Amino acid sequence: MKILAVNIGNSRTAAGWYSNGKIRRAARTESVSPVILETVANGEIPDGICLGSVVPKLNTTWTRLVRQTFPRVPVLWLDTDLDYGINLDLKRPDQTGHDRLANAVAGAELCGTPCIVCDFGTATTFNLVLARRGFVGGVIAPGFGMWFTAMGQRAAQLPKLKPGGIKLPTGRNTEEAMRLSARWGFRGMVTEILWQLSKACGKKEPIVCATGGYARKVLATAGLKIPVYPDLTLHGLARIYELNRG
């Protein structure tokens, strides 16, 4: 099947073209426009479209754009009544972000179980999938960008900085000190969360993978050798469509 997967996030929307078990091409945009759909389709018509969103107020608009662009193509929105191919061992699956559900599905398929999928986006999520219980939840933490935003907004004398790396033994001015807090503090948060979640896997060591816009930047400064799959969420959305195409 040829599937158009669309992931509507807080900072941007991603779209991917899935065929023969892989995302073949993908694009991302900060605007709400059908251009990204046309770009990824590249003149082809998909057999189906799967959408996931963590921004409910945009769902109606994206539904309209998708149907205008591909009026005869079946459209599937994620919800908790679907077949995910794995169990959802969650207290409130209806409150779980669509991106986390898609990440769990893709992580289990591409990496096996147990696995931990780290998504370094606007927020940072850690999603744990076990062999028998399936997706058992995980941890939601501030994103790398939030680290700088929170300090700049809540402290009068601290500047508003854009995320960036730094390699110094100590911060000798305000900006350097803030950047070091993000470098060391964020790394410490990630490693501690991974260690705690790993304990839930018992004796078997979990496979860890990552995705999200900040993934490569964070992992490069954290010294963590974790494979990055830029289109992991899109892959998961497409697989969910395949599982429910009937």
Protein backbone atom coordinates (compact mmCIF):
# COMPACT_ATOMS: atom_id res chain seq x y z
CA MET A 1 0.00 0.00 0.00
CA LYS A 2 0.94 3.63 -0.53
CA ILE A 3 0.07 5.53 2.63
CA LEU A 4 0.32 9.22 3.41
CA ALA A 5 1.07 9.66 7.13
CA VAL A 6 0.57 13.05 8.77
CA ASN A 7 1.76 13.91 12.28
CA ILE A 8 0.42 17.22 13.61
CA GLY A 9 2.72 18.40 16.38
CA ASN A 10 3.00 21.42 18.65
CA SER A 11 5.84 23.07 16.73
CA ARG A 12 5.37 21.69 13.23
CA THR A 13 3.56 19.15 11.09
CA ALA A 14 5.34 16.24 9.43
CA ALA A 15 4.13 14.19 6.48
CA GLY A 16 5.61 11.04 5.03
CA TRP A 17 5.05 8.76 2.05
CA TYR A 18 5.05 5.10 3.06
CA SER A 19 5.34 2.18 0.65
CA ASN A 20 6.79 -1.34 0.82
CA GLY A 21 7.28 -1.09 4.56
CA LYS A 22 9.29 2.16 4.65
CA ILE A 23 8.91 5.93 4.70
CA ARG A 24 10.29 6.83 1.27
CA ARG A 25 10.14 10.62 1.53
CA ALA A 26 9.10 13.09 4.19
CA ALA A 27 8.70 16.82 4.77
CA ARG A 28 8.01 19.15 7.68
CA THR A 29 6.37 22.54 7.95
CA GLU A 30 5.39 25.09 10.58
CA SER A 31 2.42 26.30 8.50
CA VAL A 32 -1.04 24.82 8.04
CA SER A 33 -1.07 24.28 4.29
CA PRO A 34 -1.78 21.51 1.76
CA VAL A 35 1.62 22.17 0.16
CA ILE A 36 3.30 19.59 2.39
CA LEU A 37 0.76 16.96 1.32
CA GLU A 38 1.37 17.65 -2.37
CA THR A 39 5.14 17.75 -1.89
CA VAL A 40 5.30 14.37 -0.20
CA ALA A 41 2.82 12.77 -2.61
CA ASN A 42 4.95 13.97 -5.53
CA GLY A 43 2.18 13.51 -8.06
CA GLU A 44 0.99 10.14 -6.74
CA ILE A 45 -2.34 9.28 -5.14
CA PRO A 46 -2.14 7.39 -1.82
CA ASP A 47 -4.25 4.33 -1.06
CA GLY A 48 -4.95 5.70 2.39
CA ILE A 49 -4.17 8.57 4.73
CA CYS A 50 -3.49 8.29 8.46
CA LEU A 51 -3.43 11.33 10.72
CA GLY A 52 -2.31 11.76 14.31
CA SER A 53 -2.41 15.00 16.27
CA VAL A 54 -1.47 16.49 19.62
CA VAL A 55 -3.09 19.82 18.69
CA PRO A 56 -6.87 19.17 18.68
CA LYS A 57 -7.77 22.70 17.57
CA LEU A 58 -6.08 22.02 14.21
CA ASN A 59 -7.77 18.68 13.51
CA THR A 60 -10.78 20.09 11.66
CA THR A 61 -8.57 22.25 9.46
CA TRP A 62 -6.23 19.40 8.54
CA THR A 63 -9.18 17.10 7.83
CA ARG A 64 -10.50 19.67 5.37
CA LEU A 65 -7.11 20.14 3.71
CA VAL A 66 -6.57 16.40 3.33
CA ARG A 67 -10.01 15.81 1.84
CA GLN A 68 -9.65 18.73 -0.55
CA THR A 69 -6.27 17.48 -1.74
CA PHE A 70 -7.26 13.78 -2.00
CA PRO A 71 -11.08 13.72 -2.13
CA ARG A 72 -11.50 9.99 -2.86
CA VAL A 73 -8.86 8.58 -0.51
CA PRO A 74 -9.89 6.92 2.78
CA VAL A 75 -8.81 8.90 5.85
CA LEU A 76 -8.10 7.42 9.29
CA TRP A 77 -7.66 9.43 12.47
CA LEU A 78 -6.02 7.69 15.41
CA ASP A 79 -8.25 6.73 18.31
CA THR A 80 -8.16 4.11 21.04
CA ASP A 81 -10.58 1.71 19.29
CA LEU A 82 -8.04 0.82 16.62
CA ASP A 83 -5.85 -2.26 16.32
CA TYR A 84 -2.29 -1.23 17.20
CA GLY A 85 -0.68 -4.61 16.84
CA ILE A 86 0.48 -4.33 20.47
CA ASN A 87 -1.40 -4.14 23.75
CA LEU A 88 -2.07 -0.72 25.28
CA ASP A 89 -1.56 -1.33 28.99
CA LEU A 90 -2.52 2.23 29.97
CA LYS A 91 -4.91 3.69 32.53
CA ARG A 92 -6.23 6.36 30.13
CA PRO A 93 -5.23 5.54 26.55
CA ASP A 94 -7.64 8.24 25.38
CA GLN A 95 -5.39 10.83 27.05
CA THR A 96 -2.21 9.50 25.45
CA GLY A 97 -0.74 11.55 22.61
CA HIS A 98 -1.12 10.11 19.13
CA ASP A 99 2.61 10.58 18.57
CA ARG A 100 3.39 8.38 21.57
CA LEU A 101 1.08 5.64 20.34
CA ALA A 102 2.67 5.74 16.89
CA ASN A 103 6.16 5.74 18.41
CA ALA A 104 5.35 2.67 20.47
CA VAL A 105 4.08 0.78 17.42
CA ALA A 106 7.08 1.72 15.28
CA GLY A 107 9.59 1.07 18.06
CA ALA A 108 8.25 -2.43 18.69
CA GLU A 109 8.33 -3.25 14.97
CA LEU A 110 11.72 -1.78 14.09
CA CYS A 111 13.62 -2.55 17.30
CA GLY A 112 11.79 -5.41 18.96
CA THR A 113 10.81 -5.58 22.62
CA PRO A 114 11.49 -4.53 25.25
CA CYS A 115 12.25 -1.11 23.82
CA ILE A 116 12.28 2.49 24.91
CA VAL A 117 11.46 5.13 22.31
CA CYS A 118 12.75 8.62 23.15
CA ASP A 119 11.08 11.47 21.30
CA PHE A 120 13.00 14.74 21.59
CA GLY A 121 10.41 17.19 20.37
CA THR A 122 8.65 20.19 21.93
CA ALA A 123 8.27 17.92 24.95
CA THR A 124 10.55 14.94 25.57
CA THR A 125 8.74 11.62 25.88
CA PHE A 126 10.05 8.21 26.83
CA ASN A 127 7.80 5.34 25.76
CA LEU A 128 8.28 1.81 27.08
CA VAL A 129 7.05 -1.25 25.17
CA LEU A 130 7.30 -4.71 26.77
CA ALA A 131 6.96 -8.08 25.04
CA ARG A 132 3.77 -9.27 26.74
CA ARG A 133 2.17 -6.15 28.16
CA GLY A 134 2.81 -3.95 25.12
CA PHE A 135 2.89 -0.18 25.53
CA VAL A 136 2.95 0.43 29.28
CA GLY A 137 3.44 4.21 29.22
CA GLY A 138 6.60 5.99 30.23
CA VAL A 139 7.68 9.51 31.08
CA ILE A 140 6.86 12.99 29.76
CA ALA A 141 9.50 15.64 30.44
CA PRO A 142 10.28 19.18 29.23
CA GLY A 143 11.78 19.47 25.79
CA PHE A 144 15.30 20.74 25.19
CA GLY A 145 13.91 24.03 23.89
CA MET A 146 11.70 24.42 26.97
CA TRP A 147 14.81 24.43 29.14
CA PHE A 148 15.82 27.79 27.68
CA THR A 149 12.29 29.14 27.31
CA ALA A 150 11.40 28.54 30.96
CA MET A 151 14.49 30.31 32.29
CA GLY A 152 14.11 33.26 29.95
CA GLN A 153 10.41 33.74 30.77
CA ARG A 154 10.43 33.20 34.51
CA ALA A 155 13.62 34.99 35.59
CA ALA A 156 13.82 38.72 34.94
CA GLN A 157 17.59 38.95 34.52
CA LEU A 158 18.05 35.88 32.37
CA PRO A 159 18.12 36.32 28.58
CA LYS A 160 15.89 34.43 26.17
CA LEU A 161 18.21 32.01 24.38
CA LYS A 162 17.75 29.65 21.49
CA PRO A 163 18.87 26.05 22.11
CA GLY A 164 22.53 25.50 21.39
CA GLY A 165 25.46 23.46 22.58
CA ILE A 166 28.54 24.48 24.55
CA LYS A 167 31.74 22.77 25.68
CA LEU A 168 33.28 24.56 28.65
CA PRO A 169 34.33 23.51 32.17
CA THR A 170 32.39 26.40 33.71
CA GLY A 171 30.09 29.19 32.62
CA ARG A 172 31.88 32.53 33.00
CA ASN A 173 28.93 34.66 31.99
CA THR A 174 25.16 34.31 32.19
CA GLU A 175 24.65 32.82 28.75
CA GLU A 176 27.43 30.24 29.19
CA ALA A 177 26.07 29.28 32.59
CA MET A 178 22.57 28.75 31.17
CA ARG A 179 23.88 26.68 28.28
CA LEU A 180 25.90 24.46 30.60
CA SER A 181 22.83 23.86 32.75
CA ALA A 182 21.02 22.60 29.67
CA ARG A 183 23.96 20.50 28.50
CA TRP A 184 24.58 18.76 31.82
CA GLY A 185 21.12 18.98 33.36
CA PHE A 186 19.25 17.71 30.32
CA ARG A 187 21.78 14.91 29.85
CA GLY A 188 21.37 13.94 33.50
CA MET A 189 17.59 13.90 33.16
CA VAL A 190 17.73 11.67 30.08
CA THR A 191 20.17 9.16 31.52
CA GLU A 192 18.29 8.91 34.83
CA ILE A 193 14.93 8.36 33.15
CA LEU A 194 16.39 5.69 30.86
CA TRP A 195 17.95 3.93 33.86
CA GLN A 196 14.69 3.96 35.81
CA LEU A 197 12.62 2.70 32.86
CA SER A 198 15.17 -0.03 32.15
CA LYS A 199 14.46 -1.50 35.59
CA ALA A 200 10.88 -2.20 34.47
CA CYS A 201 12.25 -4.55 31.80
CA GLY A 202 13.52 -7.08 34.31
CA LYS A 203 16.65 -8.96 33.37
CA LYS A 204 16.40 -8.21 29.66
CA GLU A 205 18.17 -5.07 28.48
CA PRO A 206 15.83 -2.78 26.51
CA ILE A 207 16.68 -1.55 23.03
CA VAL A 208 16.66 2.26 22.99
CA CYS A 209 15.95 4.38 19.92
CA ALA A 210 15.25 8.05 19.39
CA THR A 211 13.35 10.45 17.16
CA GLY A 212 12.31 14.11 17.19
CA GLY A 213 13.78 17.42 16.10
CA TYR A 214 16.24 17.74 18.98
CA ALA A 215 17.35 14.09 18.99
CA ARG A 216 20.68 14.39 17.18
CA LYS A 217 21.67 17.59 19.00
CA VAL A 218 20.88 16.19 22.45
CA LEU A 219 22.49 12.81 21.88
CA ALA A 220 25.63 14.34 20.39
CA THR A 221 26.27 16.34 23.57
CA ALA A 222 25.09 13.60 25.96
CA GLY A 223 27.55 10.96 24.82
CA LEU A 224 24.73 8.45 24.35
CA LYS A 225 24.99 6.04 21.43
CA ILE A 226 21.33 5.73 20.56
CA PRO A 227 20.18 5.26 16.94
CA VAL A 228 18.00 8.08 15.61
CA TYR A 229 15.03 7.39 13.32
CA PRO A 230 13.84 10.80 12.05
CA ASP A 231 10.62 9.39 10.56
CA LEU A 232 9.76 6.92 13.34
CA THR A 233 6.42 8.53 14.21
CA LEU A 234 5.36 8.63 10.57
CA HIS A 235 6.29 4.96 10.21
CA GLY A 236 4.11 4.12 13.19
CA LEU A 237 1.14 6.03 11.79
CA ALA A 238 1.43 4.22 8.47
CA ARG A 239 1.64 0.82 10.16
CA ILE A 240 -1.47 1.59 12.20
CA TYR A 241 -3.29 2.35 8.96
CA GLU A 242 -2.16 -0.96 7.50
CA LEU A 243 -3.41 -2.82 10.56
CA ASN A 244 -6.84 -1.19 10.28
CA ARG A 245 -7.30 -0.83 6.53
CA GLY A 246 -10.24 -3.26 6.51
